[in-house]
Every structure is written in C-alpha cells, then in structure tokens.
C-alpha cells in the first residue's frame, strides 16, 4: 500500500532540484568576523561578548597594551586609562609625580584630584600644611584633617577658638546638641529669657507645652477664648472650637438650612 503511494509521486526534474539547492544555502556561518574576540581578551563571565585581559584596554575593537608610566600600576577598570599612580605619587599629565608631603603628614592612596597626603593625628590641614591642633578648655579632640580638630563639651559653644558656657535662663533646659536651649513647658521664649505663657479663661495648655487651645464650645479670639452659640440643627465640631450642621442641613452664613 505504502509502496504504491511512493511510486505514484512524480519525479522532480533534476534541473528544478538544482535550482532549489542554489536558492537555499546548505549552511549559515554562526558568527561574522567582527564578532570574533581579538587577541589579549577573554569571554565575559556573565552575558555575551568579550572583554580585554588585565593590563589591556579596548580600543577600536581590539585590546591594546596599557602604557603604564613609571611609579604607576595597572588596575582592572573597564573605564579610564587602566592605571593608577603608586602610593606617594599623583597623576599629572599622564605621568606620576612624587607627592610633596608637608611636615607632620603622611602619604595616602591617591587618585585623580586628591592631594595624596593627610595630616597626622593631632594636626589639621591649614593652607597646604599641617598645623598642630590646640584644644581649648572645655573641649575635646575629634578626628579629621579638616575643621578645627576639636568640639566643645556639652553646655559649651565654640566662639572663635574657645569654648564659652551656654547661658541657660530660668525655666529653660539644655537641648540634646548640648549648645542650645529651649523653654520648659508652659513658658515661651522672649529674647534670652523664658516668660510664662498667658493662658486665657476657658483655655488650656496643649500637650506640646508650647501653645494653648480653647475649651470645647469656645474659640480663639485674639488672646482670649470666646463662647460661640450653636444655631438650630447644628453640633460642636470635632475640634471643639467650631460647629457643623447636622445632616441633611448645610451651612449658610450663621445658620443651618435644608439642602
């Protein structure tokens, strides 16, 4: 049955078969010549493509040897020029020049734009030199190449190169920063003093202790609390210092009218 079906298929002319083979290529190159990795490179550890070996840098689809100046060393950077200056040297016009270290300082790891040195402990940078840190009374030393190199103790504040006592007035307390103050609950600041807060009749001190509010059914009127009259079909609002219309009424001037 199967043999009869196969024999029934008409033979394809040899000329037509040759034309089909010419149209359909038997194999397709996997990659073009441009996708091939150049010398001194390796396949990336993730994703596709390639990257230059250590000490080489990509340029025009090739990996060229990084030219390292004297007193420099290669770095594995994907950008930049592929080298950095050694400790004690800094980059200057594609070369590595020795860093001039002032007295009471030491060399540091450098990169473009950094000085390449920092002051020793107990000294601070001042006009490209290292000046000794003088800690005044009521102060303590802090680390850092910049700034004064010291901070005032709690209860003192820096004035010029000294630490002066913070003048905390009566009914005040020192804040957490240690060099400023605030008034106690029920007092308010007036220049350099704390004066009692004037609370009117039908008023009370808020939880913050820095302001006051009126009792429920009263509203602020300048420095006093004035009672307000509820119109018909109204109730005192949640704040307690005003009123709102009951549903289904709406406010119109000082009345509640139907919708």
Protein backbone atom coordinates (compact mmCIF):
# COMPACT_ATOMS: atom_id res chain seq x y z
CA UNK A 1 0.00 0.00 0.00
CA UNK A 2 2.80 2.40 1.01
CA UNK A 3 4.97 1.37 -1.94
CA UNK A 4 2.22 2.17 -4.39
CA UNK A 5 1.81 5.67 -2.86
CA UNK A 6 5.54 6.39 -3.08
CA UNK A 7 5.75 5.18 -6.63
CA UNK A 8 2.83 7.40 -7.53
CA UNK A 9 4.77 10.61 -6.64
CA UNK A 10 6.05 12.18 -9.84
CA UNK A 11 9.83 12.51 -10.15
CA UNK A 12 11.22 16.02 -9.66
CA UNK A 13 13.19 17.14 -12.65
CA UNK A 14 16.91 17.36 -11.96
CA UNK A 15 17.04 20.95 -13.24
CA UNK A 16 14.38 22.14 -10.73
CA UNK A 17 16.14 20.36 -7.84
CA UNK A 18 19.43 22.04 -8.73
CA UNK A 19 17.72 25.45 -8.69
CA UNK A 20 16.28 24.85 -5.19
CA UNK A 21 19.69 23.86 -3.82
CA UNK A 22 21.18 27.03 -5.26
CA UNK A 23 18.49 29.18 -3.57
CA UNK A 24 18.65 27.58 -0.10
CA UNK A 25 22.21 27.55 1.36
CA UNK A 26 23.25 24.31 2.99
CA UNK A 27 24.94 26.07 5.98
CA UNK A 28 24.96 29.58 7.58
CA UNK A 29 28.05 30.97 9.33
CA UNK A 30 27.48 31.10 13.11
CA UNK A 31 29.19 34.45 13.59
CA UNK A 32 30.72 37.14 11.44
CA UNK A 33 34.35 38.05 11.55
CA UNK A 34 33.52 41.22 13.53
CA UNK A 35 32.05 39.16 16.42
CA UNK A 36 35.27 37.22 16.94
CA UNK A 37 37.18 38.06 20.13
CA UNK A 38 40.51 39.85 19.48
CA UNK A 39 43.84 38.84 20.91
CA UNK A 40 44.52 39.52 24.62
CA UNK A 41 40.84 39.18 25.51
CA UNK A 42 38.53 36.62 27.10
CA UNK A 43 34.82 35.85 27.26
CA UNK A 44 32.82 37.75 29.84
CA UNK A 45 31.92 35.82 32.97
CA UNK A 46 28.26 36.75 32.51
CA UNK A 47 26.26 37.69 29.43
CA UNK A 48 27.75 37.55 25.98
CA UNK A 49 30.71 39.18 24.31
CA UNK A 50 34.30 39.64 25.44
CA UNK A 51 36.49 41.92 27.49
CA UNK A 52 40.19 42.71 27.48
CA UNK A 53 42.65 40.86 29.69
CA UNK A 54 44.21 42.55 32.71
CA UNK A 55 46.77 45.10 31.54
CA UNK A 56 45.00 45.70 28.22
CA UNK A 57 42.38 48.23 27.22
CA UNK A 58 39.75 48.14 24.48
CA UNK A 59 40.27 50.49 21.54
CA UNK A 60 38.79 50.14 18.05
CA UNK A 61 37.50 46.57 18.67
CA UNK A 62 40.98 45.46 19.77
CA UNK A 63 42.86 45.08 23.05
CA UNK A 64 45.96 47.25 23.21
CA UNK A 65 48.62 47.09 25.90
CA UNK A 66 48.15 49.71 28.61
CA UNK A 67 51.14 52.04 28.76
CA UNK A 68 51.91 52.46 32.44
CA UNK A 69 54.16 55.39 33.36
CA UNK A 70 56.96 55.00 35.92
CA UNK A 71 55.68 54.84 39.53
CA UNK A 72 52.31 53.59 38.33
CA UNK A 73 50.49 50.24 38.25
CA UNK A 74 47.75 48.59 36.21
CA UNK A 75 44.19 48.47 37.52
CA UNK A 76 41.30 46.33 36.32
CA UNK A 77 39.00 49.15 35.31
CA UNK A 78 36.51 48.94 32.46
CA UNK A 79 36.81 52.70 32.01
CA UNK A 80 39.58 55.22 32.45
CA UNK A 81 43.11 54.68 31.21
CA UNK A 82 43.72 51.40 33.05
CA UNK A 83 46.37 52.54 35.54
CA UNK A 84 46.86 54.47 38.75
CA UNK A 85 49.83 56.05 40.44
CA UNK A 86 51.63 54.26 43.26
CA UNK A 87 51.30 55.36 46.87
CA UNK A 88 53.17 58.64 47.33
CA UNK A 89 52.61 59.74 43.73
CA UNK A 90 49.77 61.52 41.94
CA UNK A 91 48.68 61.76 38.32
CA UNK A 92 49.81 64.79 36.35
CA UNK A 93 49.62 64.97 32.52
CA UNK A 94 49.65 61.16 32.01
CA UNK A 95 52.61 60.77 34.38
CA UNK A 96 53.08 60.02 38.06
CA UNK A 97 54.84 62.75 40.00
CA UNK A 98 56.03 62.47 43.58
CA UNK A 99 53.69 63.96 46.19
CA UNK A 100 55.30 66.65 48.33
CA UNK A 101 54.34 65.68 51.87
CA UNK A 102 54.49 68.51 54.42
CA UNK A 103 55.77 68.10 57.94
CA UNK A 104 53.50 66.19 60.35
CA UNK A 105 51.72 64.41 57.48
CA UNK A 106 51.81 61.00 55.77
CA UNK A 107 51.13 59.66 52.28
CA UNK A 108 47.74 58.17 51.39
CA UNK A 109 46.33 56.22 48.47
CA UNK A 110 45.78 58.72 45.68
CA UNK A 111 43.53 59.15 42.71
CA UNK A 112 42.85 61.98 40.34
CA UNK A 113 42.12 65.26 42.14
CA UNK A 114 43.29 64.14 45.63
CA UNK A 115 46.24 65.60 47.50
CA UNK A 116 47.89 62.26 48.26
CA UNK A 117 48.55 63.06 51.92
CA UNK A 118 46.78 63.78 55.17
CA UNK A 119 47.81 65.25 58.46
CA UNK A 120 48.96 63.08 61.35
CA UNK A 121 46.83 62.66 64.45
CA UNK A 122 46.80 65.89 66.44
CA UNK A 123 47.31 68.07 63.36
CA UNK A 124 44.90 69.61 60.85
CA UNK A 125 45.29 70.87 57.29
CA UNK A 126 45.76 74.63 57.05
CA UNK A 127 46.95 76.35 53.86
CA UNK A 128 48.52 73.17 52.40
CA UNK A 129 50.37 72.48 55.65
CA UNK A 130 49.67 70.62 58.89
CA UNK A 131 49.16 72.82 61.94
CA UNK A 132 49.06 71.46 65.47
CA UNK A 133 45.57 71.23 66.98
CA UNK A 134 45.27 73.28 70.18
CA UNK A 135 42.35 72.02 72.22
CA UNK A 136 40.91 74.82 74.41
CA UNK A 137 39.40 74.37 77.86
CA UNK A 138 36.02 72.55 77.96
CA UNK A 139 36.69 70.90 74.57
CA UNK A 140 37.82 67.51 73.28
CA UNK A 141 39.80 66.38 70.24
CA UNK A 142 37.99 64.93 67.17
CA UNK A 143 39.46 63.04 64.22
CA UNK A 144 39.61 64.66 60.79
CA UNK A 145 42.03 66.50 58.57
CA UNK A 146 39.71 69.48 58.17
CA UNK A 147 37.83 71.73 60.58
CA UNK A 148 39.10 72.87 63.97
CA UNK A 149 40.03 69.38 65.13
CA UNK A 150 38.04 69.76 68.36
CA UNK A 151 34.50 70.25 69.62
CA UNK A 152 33.12 71.86 72.75
CA UNK A 153 31.81 69.82 75.66
CA UNK A 154 28.10 69.69 76.44
CA UNK A 155 26.94 73.02 77.87
CA UNK A 156 29.56 74.99 75.94
CA UNK A 157 29.63 76.51 72.46
CA UNK A 158 32.50 77.46 70.18
CA UNK A 159 33.34 81.16 69.97
CA UNK A 160 36.43 81.89 67.87
CA UNK A 161 39.00 79.43 69.24
CA UNK A 162 37.47 78.99 72.71
CA UNK A 163 34.51 77.24 74.34
CA UNK A 164 32.19 79.53 76.29
CA UNK A 165 29.44 78.39 78.64
CA UNK A 166 25.89 78.31 77.26
CA UNK A 167 23.76 80.72 79.28
CA UNK A 168 20.61 78.74 80.10
CA UNK A 169 17.99 81.11 81.57
CA UNK A 170 15.49 80.28 84.30
CA UNK A 171 12.66 77.93 83.28
CA UNK A 172 14.73 76.54 80.38
CA UNK A 173 16.71 73.36 79.67
CA UNK A 174 19.71 72.38 77.57
CA UNK A 175 18.89 70.65 74.28
CA UNK A 176 20.39 67.36 73.14
CA UNK A 177 23.02 69.06 70.96
CA UNK A 178 24.48 70.49 74.16
CA UNK A 179 24.97 74.05 72.91
CA UNK A 180 21.44 75.48 72.74
CA UNK A 181 18.37 75.64 74.98
CA UNK A 182 14.56 75.71 74.92
CA UNK A 183 11.89 76.89 77.34
CA UNK A 184 10.18 74.49 79.69
CA UNK A 185 6.51 73.53 79.37
CA UNK A 186 4.22 76.50 79.88
CA UNK A 187 6.90 79.08 79.07
CA UNK A 188 7.77 80.84 75.84
CA UNK A 189 10.98 82.39 74.60
CA UNK A 190 11.41 86.14 74.79
CA UNK A 191 14.90 87.20 73.62
CA UNK A 192 17.26 85.44 76.07
CA UNK A 193 14.63 84.58 78.69
CA UNK A 194 11.65 82.27 79.23
CA UNK A 195 8.44 84.03 80.32
CA UNK A 196 5.21 82.37 81.48
CA UNK A 197 2.71 81.71 78.71
CA UNK A 198 -0.51 83.74 79.14
CA UNK A 199 -3.42 81.28 79.04
CA UNK A 200 -6.85 82.98 78.95
CA UNK A 201 -10.01 81.88 80.73
CA UNK A 202 -11.57 78.77 79.18
CA UNK A 203 -8.18 77.89 77.68
CA UNK A 204 -5.66 75.13 78.41
CA UNK A 205 -2.05 74.24 77.63
CA UNK A 206 -1.56 71.85 74.71
CA UNK A 207 0.33 68.56 75.11
CA UNK A 208 3.39 70.06 73.43
CA UNK A 209 3.57 72.68 76.16
CA UNK A 210 4.39 75.40 73.63
CA UNK A 211 0.87 76.73 72.82
CA UNK A 212 -2.69 76.79 74.15
CA UNK A 213 -6.17 75.97 72.92
CA UNK A 214 -9.71 76.89 73.95
CA UNK A 215 -12.06 74.58 75.83
CA UNK A 216 -14.78 72.79 73.92
CA UNK A 217 -17.51 75.24 72.98
CA UNK A 218 -15.09 78.19 72.81
CA UNK A 219 -12.97 79.54 70.00
CA UNK A 220 -9.82 81.69 69.86
CA UNK A 221 -10.42 85.42 69.59
CA UNK A 222 -7.00 87.04 69.65
CA UNK A 223 -5.55 86.28 73.08
CA UNK A 224 -8.86 85.15 74.62
CA UNK A 225 -11.44 82.38 74.26
CA UNK A 226 -14.94 83.44 73.20
CA UNK A 227 -18.04 81.25 73.55
CA UNK A 228 -19.98 80.54 70.36
CA UNK A 229 -23.74 79.93 70.08
CA UNK A 230 -24.95 76.83 68.26
CA UNK A 231 -27.66 77.54 65.69
CA UNK A 232 -30.61 75.23 65.29
CA UNK A 233 -29.79 71.86 63.69
CA UNK A 234 -26.04 72.18 64.47
CA UNK A 235 -23.46 70.50 66.73
CA UNK A 236 -19.97 71.23 68.01
CA UNK A 237 -17.27 70.02 65.60
CA UNK A 238 -14.53 67.50 66.37
CA UNK A 239 -12.01 70.25 67.12
CA UNK A 240 -14.30 71.67 69.79
CA UNK A 241 -13.62 75.19 68.52
CA UNK A 242 -16.44 75.50 65.99
CA UNK A 243 -19.72 74.00 64.85
CA UNK A 244 -21.08 71.98 61.96
CA UNK A 245 -24.60 71.47 60.57
CA UNK A 246 -26.48 68.25 61.20
CA UNK A 247 -27.43 66.15 58.22
CA UNK A 248 -29.24 66.87 55.96
CA UNK A 249 -28.61 70.58 56.55
CA UNK A 250 -25.91 72.82 55.15
CA UNK A 251 -24.26 75.94 56.49
CA UNK A 252 -25.40 79.30 55.17
CA UNK A 253 -23.88 82.27 56.96
CA UNK A 254 -24.51 81.52 60.66
CA UNK A 255 -27.47 79.19 60.12
CA UNK A 256 -28.18 75.63 59.06
CA UNK A 257 -30.66 75.42 56.20
CA UNK A 258 -32.14 72.38 54.44
CA UNK A 259 -30.39 71.10 51.33
